[in-house]
Amino acid sequence: MKQQLQTAWNLNNQLGLTASTERKVKLIEEVGELAQAVLSKEKTKGCEYKQSTLNDVIEEATDVMLVSSTMLNDSGETVDNVLQELATVRNEKATTTVFEQVVNLNKAVGDEKYLKAFKIAYETLVLYNVTDKRITKELNKKIQKWKNVMGV
C-alpha cells in the first residue's frame, strides 16, 4: 500500500493540486457514495434496491482513501506516518459497526482530519474482512484510471 500512496501523492504534486474547497467537496461526495454502498450492502430498509455488494463498498472506501490521502500530502503527513496509523487496525478488536464508521468518517472530513478519515475508511474495510492485498489491488486500479483521466 505504501507504493500506491506514494504514487497518488506524486501525481498530486505533479498536477499541482491543493486542498482546495473543490477537493474537500469531492471527498464529501466520496464519503456519501461509501455511505450509500454500506446501506445497500447491509440491506437497510429503503436502500436494498441498489443491490450493492462488498466490491462496491471496497471501491467506494478506496476512493475515500485516495482522495483523503492526497489531502494528507498537502498537510505535511508522510506515507510512513499514515501506514503506522494503519498498522494496529487489524489487531484491534472492532468496537463499532460499519454504520458508526461512516458517521465517524463524515465527522472527520467535516473537521478536516484527513488522516482520521483515511484510517476510518481503511477500518471499514477491515470490518468487512477485506485483505490488504485486495485493497492494494483496488488502489492500483484506481491510480491507473486516475493517470489515464489526467493524461499523466
Protein backbone atom coordinates (compact mmCIF):
# COMPACT_ATOMS: atom_id res chain seq x y z
CA MET A 1 0.00 0.00 0.00
CA LYS A 2 2.99 2.28 0.57
CA GLN A 3 3.76 2.36 -3.15
CA GLN A 4 0.17 3.23 -4.02
CA LEU A 5 0.05 6.11 -1.56
CA GLN A 6 3.38 7.47 -2.74
CA THR A 7 2.22 7.26 -6.38
CA ALA A 8 -1.02 9.09 -5.56
CA TRP A 9 0.92 11.78 -3.72
CA ASN A 10 3.42 12.14 -6.56
CA LEU A 11 0.57 12.57 -9.05
CA ASN A 12 -0.98 15.14 -6.74
CA ASN A 13 2.30 17.08 -6.69
CA GLN A 14 2.83 16.82 -10.47
CA LEU A 15 -0.62 18.20 -11.12
CA GLY A 16 -0.22 20.96 -8.54
CA LEU A 17 -3.45 20.04 -6.75
CA THR A 18 -4.03 21.61 -3.36
CA ALA A 19 -6.51 21.01 -0.56
CA SER A 20 -8.97 23.36 -2.20
CA THR A 21 -12.62 23.71 -1.39
CA GLU A 22 -13.41 21.70 -4.54
CA ARG A 23 -11.30 18.78 -3.34
CA LYS A 24 -12.96 18.88 0.06
CA VAL A 25 -16.34 18.71 -1.67
CA LYS A 26 -15.03 15.76 -3.73
CA LEU A 27 -14.09 13.96 -0.51
CA ILE A 28 -17.53 14.63 0.93
CA GLU A 29 -19.01 13.17 -2.27
CA GLU A 30 -16.91 10.04 -1.91
CA VAL A 31 -17.95 9.62 1.74
CA GLY A 32 -21.58 9.84 0.63
CA GLU A 33 -21.04 7.17 -2.00
CA LEU A 34 -19.43 4.91 0.60
CA ALA A 35 -22.42 5.50 2.89
CA GLN A 36 -24.81 4.52 0.09
CA ALA A 37 -22.83 1.35 -0.66
CA VAL A 38 -22.79 0.32 3.03
CA LEU A 39 -26.51 0.98 3.45
CA SER A 40 -27.34 -1.03 0.36
CA LYS A 41 -24.96 -3.91 1.13
CA GLU A 42 -26.42 -4.19 4.62
CA LYS A 43 -29.91 -4.16 3.07
CA THR A 44 -31.06 -1.20 5.14
CA LYS A 45 -34.75 -0.56 4.64
CA GLY A 46 -35.25 1.66 1.60
CA CYS A 47 -31.71 1.09 0.28
CA GLU A 48 -31.68 -2.60 -0.60
CA TYR A 49 -32.92 -1.95 -4.14
CA LYS A 50 -29.46 -0.72 -5.15
CA GLN A 51 -28.10 -4.22 -4.50
CA SER A 52 -24.58 -3.12 -3.58
CA THR A 53 -22.00 -5.80 -2.87
CA LEU A 54 -18.80 -5.93 -0.90
CA ASN A 55 -17.00 -4.98 -4.12
CA ASP A 56 -18.99 -1.73 -4.21
CA VAL A 57 -18.01 -0.98 -0.61
CA ILE A 58 -14.35 -1.70 -1.42
CA GLU A 59 -14.49 0.57 -4.45
CA GLU A 60 -16.03 3.46 -2.53
CA ALA A 61 -13.81 3.08 0.53
CA THR A 62 -10.67 3.12 -1.63
CA ASP A 63 -11.97 6.27 -3.34
CA VAL A 64 -12.19 7.88 0.11
CA MET A 65 -8.69 6.62 0.92
CA LEU A 66 -7.20 8.08 -2.27
CA VAL A 67 -8.86 11.48 -2.05
CA SER A 68 -8.11 11.87 1.65
CA SER A 69 -4.53 10.65 1.13
CA THR A 70 -3.79 13.41 -1.36
CA MET A 71 -5.09 15.93 1.14
CA LEU A 72 -2.80 14.40 3.77
CA ASN A 73 0.11 15.04 1.44
CA ASP A 74 -0.80 18.73 1.40
CA SER A 75 -0.86 18.83 5.20
CA GLY A 76 2.71 17.55 5.53
CA GLU A 77 1.95 13.99 6.61
CA THR A 78 4.31 11.27 5.44
CA VAL A 79 3.38 7.95 3.88
CA ASP A 80 5.20 6.18 6.71
CA ASN A 81 3.14 8.03 9.32
CA VAL A 82 -0.07 7.07 7.54
CA LEU A 83 0.96 3.42 7.37
CA GLN A 84 1.97 3.50 11.03
CA GLU A 85 -1.56 4.68 11.87
CA LEU A 86 -2.95 1.68 9.97
CA ALA A 87 -0.54 -0.86 11.45
CA THR A 88 -2.58 -1.55 14.56
CA VAL A 89 -6.02 -1.58 12.94
CA ARG A 90 -6.11 -5.29 12.12
CA ASN A 91 -5.01 -6.22 15.65
CA GLU A 92 -7.61 -4.10 17.42
CA LYS A 93 -10.94 -5.55 18.37
CA ALA A 94 -13.74 -3.83 16.47
CA THR A 95 -15.83 -1.67 18.77
CA THR A 96 -18.04 -0.02 16.15
CA THR A 97 -20.38 -1.09 13.41
CA VAL A 98 -19.89 -0.16 9.77
CA PHE A 99 -22.70 2.36 10.17
CA GLU A 100 -20.87 4.06 13.06
CA GLN A 101 -17.71 4.05 10.95
CA VAL A 102 -19.43 6.02 8.19
CA VAL A 103 -20.81 8.53 10.70
CA ASN A 104 -17.32 8.94 12.20
CA LEU A 105 -15.86 9.31 8.71
CA ASN A 106 -18.27 12.09 7.85
CA LYS A 107 -17.38 13.91 11.08
CA ALA A 108 -13.63 13.55 10.44
CA VAL A 109 -14.00 15.07 6.96
CA GLY A 110 -16.08 17.92 8.35
CA ASP A 111 -13.39 18.60 10.94
CA GLU A 112 -10.69 18.42 8.21
CA LYS A 113 -8.99 15.49 9.96
CA TYR A 114 -7.89 13.71 6.80
CA LEU A 115 -5.61 11.15 8.46
CA LYS A 116 -8.52 10.09 10.64
CA ALA A 117 -10.76 9.92 7.56
CA PHE A 118 -8.23 7.75 5.75
CA LYS A 119 -7.93 5.44 8.75
CA ILE A 120 -11.70 5.13 9.21
CA ALA A 121 -12.17 4.19 5.54
CA TYR A 122 -9.49 1.52 6.00
CA GLU A 123 -11.09 0.31 9.25
CA THR A 124 -14.42 -0.04 7.45
CA LEU A 125 -12.82 -2.48 5.01
CA VAL A 126 -11.19 -4.36 7.90
CA LEU A 127 -14.64 -4.76 9.50
CA TYR A 128 -15.67 -6.50 6.27
CA ASN A 129 -12.53 -8.71 6.46
CA VAL A 130 -11.04 -7.27 3.27
CA THR A 131 -7.34 -8.11 2.95
CA ASP A 132 -4.60 -5.54 2.38
CA LYS A 133 -3.81 -7.38 -0.85
CA ARG A 134 -7.36 -6.73 -2.12
CA ILE A 135 -7.22 -3.08 -1.00
CA THR A 136 -3.87 -2.61 -2.76
CA LYS A 137 -5.26 -4.17 -5.94
CA GLU A 138 -8.18 -1.73 -5.94
CA LEU A 139 -5.88 1.22 -5.23
CA ASN A 140 -3.68 0.21 -8.19
CA LYS A 141 -6.73 0.05 -10.45
CA LYS A 142 -7.90 3.50 -9.34
CA ILE A 143 -4.46 5.08 -9.68
CA GLN A 144 -4.17 3.79 -13.24
CA LYS A 145 -7.62 5.18 -14.05
CA TRP A 146 -6.60 8.48 -12.46
CA LYS A 147 -3.44 8.61 -14.58
CA ASN A 148 -5.46 7.92 -17.75
CA VAL A 149 -8.04 10.61 -16.96
CA MET A 150 -5.38 13.18 -16.05
CA GLY A 151 -3.21 12.33 -19.06
CA VAL A 152 -0.19 11.59 -16.89
